[in-house]
Amino acid sequence: MSTLERSAWGLVEEAERDIESISVDELETELAAGETTALDIRDIREVWIEGSIPDAEHAPRGMLEFWADPETEYYKEFFDPDRRYVLYCNEAGRSALAAKRLAEMGYTDVTHLKGGFTAWQEADGEIVDVPQKDYKDQ
């Protein structure tokens, strides 16, 4: 029996009450309009193995807050608190939690993809390969 006061999936359900979720069709429409950034928060190994949504930015869940905060040395230029972001992970648990966190940080237009990358794959969304980098040469 667990002694946890709140389960991981309970936290996801709470996050989903606080943030917007959109469908694969809605994301495709937004991406075609060019006003939205798809943000892949999966681990890089998942991205290398399964590929990614075309033109998505990648920010691993473990570094998200640091990459999104301009006050840290880890800040990435593709983050802008006023831009629209649709986050996704494999099945939408991590992305719901991450979207809520970005909103708490002051990002004004953040949502996540219902069903995650799995839903994108099942809907035959376009997928691009992401080649594995050789970090030994860097």
C-alpha atoms as a PDB file:
ATOM      1  CA  MET A   1       0.000   0.000   0.000  1.00  0.00           C
ATOM      2  CA  SER A   2       1.307   3.414  -0.980  1.00  0.00           C
ATOM      3  CA  THR A   3       1.922   6.140   1.566  1.00  0.00           C
ATOM      4  CA  LEU A   4       1.829   8.871  -1.077  1.00  0.00           C
ATOM      5  CA  GLU A   5      -0.699  11.597  -0.443  1.00  0.00           C
ATOM      6  CA  ARG A   6      -1.110  12.293  -4.174  1.00  0.00           C
ATOM      7  CA  SER A   7      -0.399   9.989  -7.086  1.00  0.00           C
ATOM      8  CA  ALA A   8       1.440  10.995 -10.256  1.00  0.00           C
ATOM      9  CA  TRP A   9      -1.711  10.491 -12.345  1.00  0.00           C
ATOM     10  CA  GLY A  10      -3.702  12.456  -9.769  1.00  0.00           C
ATOM     11  CA  LEU A  11      -1.306  15.354 -10.303  1.00  0.00           C
ATOM     12  CA  VAL A  12      -1.778  14.994 -14.064  1.00  0.00           C
ATOM     13  CA  GLU A  13      -5.574  15.131 -13.667  1.00  0.00           C
ATOM     14  CA  GLU A  14      -5.206  18.270 -11.563  1.00  0.00           C
ATOM     15  CA  ALA A  15      -2.931  19.879 -14.153  1.00  0.00           C
ATOM     16  CA  GLU A  16      -5.384  19.052 -16.936  1.00  0.00           C
ATOM     17  CA  ARG A  17      -8.110  20.928 -15.047  1.00  0.00           C
ATOM     18  CA  ASP A  18      -5.867  23.993 -14.967  1.00  0.00           C
ATOM     19  CA  ILE A  19      -4.569  24.028 -18.541  1.00  0.00           C
ATOM     20  CA  GLU A  20      -5.939  23.704 -22.049  1.00  0.00           C
ATOM     21  CA  SER A  21      -5.590  20.441 -23.972  1.00  0.00           C
ATOM     22  CA  ILE A  22      -5.848  20.315 -27.756  1.00  0.00           C
ATOM     23  CA  SER A  23      -6.323  17.517 -30.287  1.00  0.00           C
ATOM     24  CA  VAL A  24      -3.961  16.396 -33.026  1.00  0.00           C
ATOM     25  CA  ASP A  25      -6.186  18.104 -35.630  1.00  0.00           C
ATOM     26  CA  GLU A  26      -6.114  21.375 -33.705  1.00  0.00           C
ATOM     27  CA  LEU A  27      -2.331  21.205 -33.382  1.00  0.00           C
ATOM     28  CA  GLU A  28      -1.918  20.538 -37.108  1.00  0.00           C
ATOM     29  CA  THR A  29      -4.067  23.603 -37.869  1.00  0.00           C
ATOM     30  CA  GLU A  30      -2.093  25.792 -35.474  1.00  0.00           C
ATOM     31  CA  LEU A  31       1.266  24.607 -36.807  1.00  0.00           C
ATOM     32  CA  ALA A  32       0.157  25.284 -40.382  1.00  0.00           C
ATOM     33  CA  ALA A  33      -0.761  28.856 -39.379  1.00  0.00           C
ATOM     34  CA  GLY A  34       2.768  29.344 -38.026  1.00  0.00           C
ATOM     35  CA  GLU A  35       1.771  30.955 -34.748  1.00  0.00           C
ATOM     36  CA  THR A  36       2.493  28.009 -32.451  1.00  0.00           C
ATOM     37  CA  THR A  37       5.612  26.217 -31.285  1.00  0.00           C
ATOM     38  CA  ALA A  38       5.322  22.485 -30.672  1.00  0.00           C
ATOM     39  CA  LEU A  39       7.545  21.653 -27.711  1.00  0.00           C
ATOM     40  CA  ASP A  40       8.703  18.056 -27.317  1.00  0.00           C
ATOM     41  CA  ILE A  41       9.555  17.412 -23.676  1.00  0.00           C
ATOM     42  CA  ARG A  42      10.405  13.730 -24.014  1.00  0.00           C
ATOM     43  CA  ASP A  43      13.818  12.388 -23.126  1.00  0.00           C
ATOM     44  CA  ILE A  44      16.224  12.747 -26.043  1.00  0.00           C
ATOM     45  CA  ARG A  45      16.479   8.955 -26.359  1.00  0.00           C
ATOM     46  CA  GLU A  46      12.721   8.802 -27.016  1.00  0.00           C
ATOM     47  CA  VAL A  47      13.122  11.463 -29.710  1.00  0.00           C
ATOM     48  CA  TRP A  48      16.014   9.601 -31.370  1.00  0.00           C
ATOM     49  CA  ILE A  49      14.074   6.319 -31.365  1.00  0.00           C
ATOM     50  CA  GLU A  50      10.611   7.557 -32.405  1.00  0.00           C
ATOM     51  CA  GLY A  51      11.264  10.813 -34.232  1.00  0.00           C
ATOM     52  CA  SER A  52       9.458  14.102 -33.676  1.00  0.00           C
ATOM     53  CA  ILE A  53       6.760  16.399 -34.981  1.00  0.00           C
ATOM     54  CA  PRO A  54       8.285  18.518 -37.792  1.00  0.00           C
ATOM     55  CA  ASP A  55       9.824  21.799 -36.602  1.00  0.00           C
ATOM     56  CA  ALA A  56       9.185  21.003 -32.935  1.00  0.00           C
ATOM     57  CA  GLU A  57      11.622  22.386 -30.413  1.00  0.00           C
ATOM     58  CA  HIS A  58      13.005  19.967 -27.850  1.00  0.00           C
ATOM     59  CA  ALA A  59      13.322  20.697 -24.145  1.00  0.00           C
ATOM     60  CA  PRO A  60      13.666  17.642 -21.918  1.00  0.00           C
ATOM     61  CA  ARG A  61      11.275  17.659 -18.967  1.00  0.00           C
ATOM     62  CA  GLY A  62      14.149  17.597 -16.519  1.00  0.00           C
ATOM     63  CA  MET A  63      15.564  20.896 -17.837  1.00  0.00           C
ATOM     64  CA  LEU A  64      12.349  22.676 -18.850  1.00  0.00           C
ATOM     65  CA  GLU A  65      12.188  25.274 -16.096  1.00  0.00           C
ATOM     66  CA  PHE A  66      15.877  26.107 -16.460  1.00  0.00           C
ATOM     67  CA  TRP A  67      15.742  26.386 -20.255  1.00  0.00           C
ATOM     68  CA  ALA A  68      12.585  28.538 -20.048  1.00  0.00           C
ATOM     69  CA  ASP A  69      13.969  30.982 -17.470  1.00  0.00           C
ATOM     70  CA  PRO A  70      16.010  33.831 -19.005  1.00  0.00           C
ATOM     71  CA  GLU A  71      17.711  34.378 -15.642  1.00  0.00           C
ATOM     72  CA  THR A  72      19.525  31.021 -15.756  1.00  0.00           C
ATOM     73  CA  GLU A  73      22.678  30.116 -17.621  1.00  0.00           C
ATOM     74  CA  TYR A  74      20.695  27.315 -19.303  1.00  0.00           C
ATOM     75  CA  TYR A  75      18.125  29.580 -20.993  1.00  0.00           C
ATOM     76  CA  LYS A  76      17.300  28.702 -24.618  1.00  0.00           C
ATOM     77  CA  GLU A  77      16.422  31.451 -27.084  1.00  0.00           C
ATOM     78  CA  PHE A  78      13.389  29.598 -28.476  1.00  0.00           C
ATOM     79  CA  PHE A  79      11.513  30.338 -25.246  1.00  0.00           C
ATOM     80  CA  ASP A  80       9.376  33.488 -25.152  1.00  0.00           C
ATOM     81  CA  PRO A  81       6.749  33.934 -22.411  1.00  0.00           C
ATOM     82  CA  ASP A  82       4.333  35.552 -24.890  1.00  0.00           C
ATOM     83  CA  ARG A  83       4.518  32.855 -27.584  1.00  0.00           C
ATOM     84  CA  ARG A  84       2.018  29.976 -27.841  1.00  0.00           C
ATOM     85  CA  TYR A  85       3.443  26.571 -26.946  1.00  0.00           C
ATOM     86  CA  VAL A  86       1.846  23.164 -27.304  1.00  0.00           C
ATOM     87  CA  LEU A  87       3.780  20.682 -25.222  1.00  0.00           C
ATOM     88  CA  TYR A  88       3.820  16.977 -25.824  1.00  0.00           C
ATOM     89  CA  CYS A  89       5.408  13.861 -24.410  1.00  0.00           C
ATOM     90  CA  ASN A  90       4.647  10.223 -25.164  1.00  0.00           C
ATOM     91  CA  GLU A  91       1.134   9.926 -23.721  1.00  0.00           C
ATOM     92  CA  ALA A  92       0.395  13.389 -22.251  1.00  0.00           C
ATOM     93  CA  GLY A  93       1.205  12.922 -18.563  1.00  0.00           C
ATOM     94  CA  ARG A  94       4.513  14.759 -18.442  1.00  0.00           C
ATOM     95  CA  SER A  95       3.295  17.412 -20.876  1.00  0.00           C
ATOM     96  CA  ALA A  96       0.272  18.267 -18.711  1.00  0.00           C
ATOM     97  CA  LEU A  97       2.519  18.730 -15.684  1.00  0.00           C
ATOM     98  CA  ALA A  98       5.071  20.697 -17.709  1.00  0.00           C
ATOM     99  CA  ALA A  99       2.461  22.980 -19.294  1.00  0.00           C
ATOM    100  CA  LYS A 100       1.091  23.811 -15.864  1.00  0.00           C
ATOM    101  CA  ARG A 101       4.600  24.599 -14.658  1.00  0.00           C
ATOM    102  CA  LEU A 102       5.313  26.958 -17.587  1.00  0.00           C
ATOM    103  CA  ALA A 103       2.023  28.744 -16.905  1.00  0.00           C
ATOM    104  CA  GLU A 104       3.044  29.095 -13.254  1.00  0.00           C
ATOM    105  CA  MET A 105       6.323  30.629 -14.437  1.00  0.00           C
ATOM    106  CA  GLY A 106       4.425  33.308 -16.381  1.00  0.00           C
ATOM    107  CA  TYR A 107       4.116  31.813 -19.864  1.00  0.00           C
ATOM    108  CA  THR A 108       0.792  33.196 -21.021  1.00  0.00           C
ATOM    109  CA  ASP A 109      -0.316  30.765 -23.759  1.00  0.00           C
ATOM    110  CA  VAL A 110       0.568  27.177 -22.962  1.00  0.00           C
ATOM    111  CA  THR A 111      -1.348  23.990 -23.682  1.00  0.00           C
ATOM    112  CA  HIS A 112      -0.603  20.339 -24.282  1.00  0.00           C
ATOM    113  CA  LEU A 113      -1.454  17.684 -26.839  1.00  0.00           C
ATOM    114  CA  LYS A 114      -4.178  15.231 -25.803  1.00  0.00           C
ATOM    115  CA  GLY A 115      -2.749  11.738 -26.081  1.00  0.00           C
ATOM    116  CA  GLY A 116       0.760  13.042 -26.734  1.00  0.00           C
ATOM    117  CA  PHE A 117       3.068  11.781 -29.452  1.00  0.00           C
ATOM    118  CA  THR A 118       1.241   8.444 -29.378  1.00  0.00           C
ATOM    119  CA  ALA A 119      -1.951  10.206 -30.531  1.00  0.00           C
ATOM    120  CA  TRP A 120       0.065  12.023 -33.221  1.00  0.00           C
ATOM    121  CA  GLN A 121       1.412   8.687 -34.492  1.00  0.00           C
ATOM    122  CA  GLU A 122      -2.025   7.034 -34.407  1.00  0.00           C
ATOM    123  CA  ALA A 123      -3.444   9.926 -36.466  1.00  0.00           C
ATOM    124  CA  ASP A 124      -0.676   9.409 -39.060  1.00  0.00           C
ATOM    125  CA  GLY A 125       0.787  12.830 -38.329  1.00  0.00           C
ATOM    126  CA  GLU A 126       4.025  13.608 -40.128  1.00  0.00           C
ATOM    127  CA  ILE A 127       7.111  12.461 -38.226  1.00  0.00           C
ATOM    128  CA  VAL A 128      10.695  13.489 -38.863  1.00  0.00           C
ATOM    129  CA  ASP A 129      13.748  11.484 -37.885  1.00  0.00           C
ATOM    130  CA  VAL A 130      16.033  13.048 -35.322  1.00  0.00           C
ATOM    131  CA  PRO A 131      19.541  11.674 -35.728  1.00  0.00           C
ATOM    132  CA  GLN A 132      21.500  10.806 -32.648  1.00  0.00           C
ATOM    133  CA  LYS A 133      24.405  13.150 -32.020  1.00  0.00           C
ATOM    134  CA  ASP A 134      27.883  11.838 -31.410  1.00  0.00           C
ATOM    135  CA  TYR A 135      28.843  13.663 -28.247  1.00  0.00           C
ATOM    136  CA  LYS A 136      32.375  12.255 -28.243  1.00  0.00           C
ATOM    137  CA  ASP A 137      33.388  14.696 -30.996  1.00  0.00           C
ATOM    138  CA  GLN A 138      32.114  17.816 -29.248  1.00  0.00           C
END
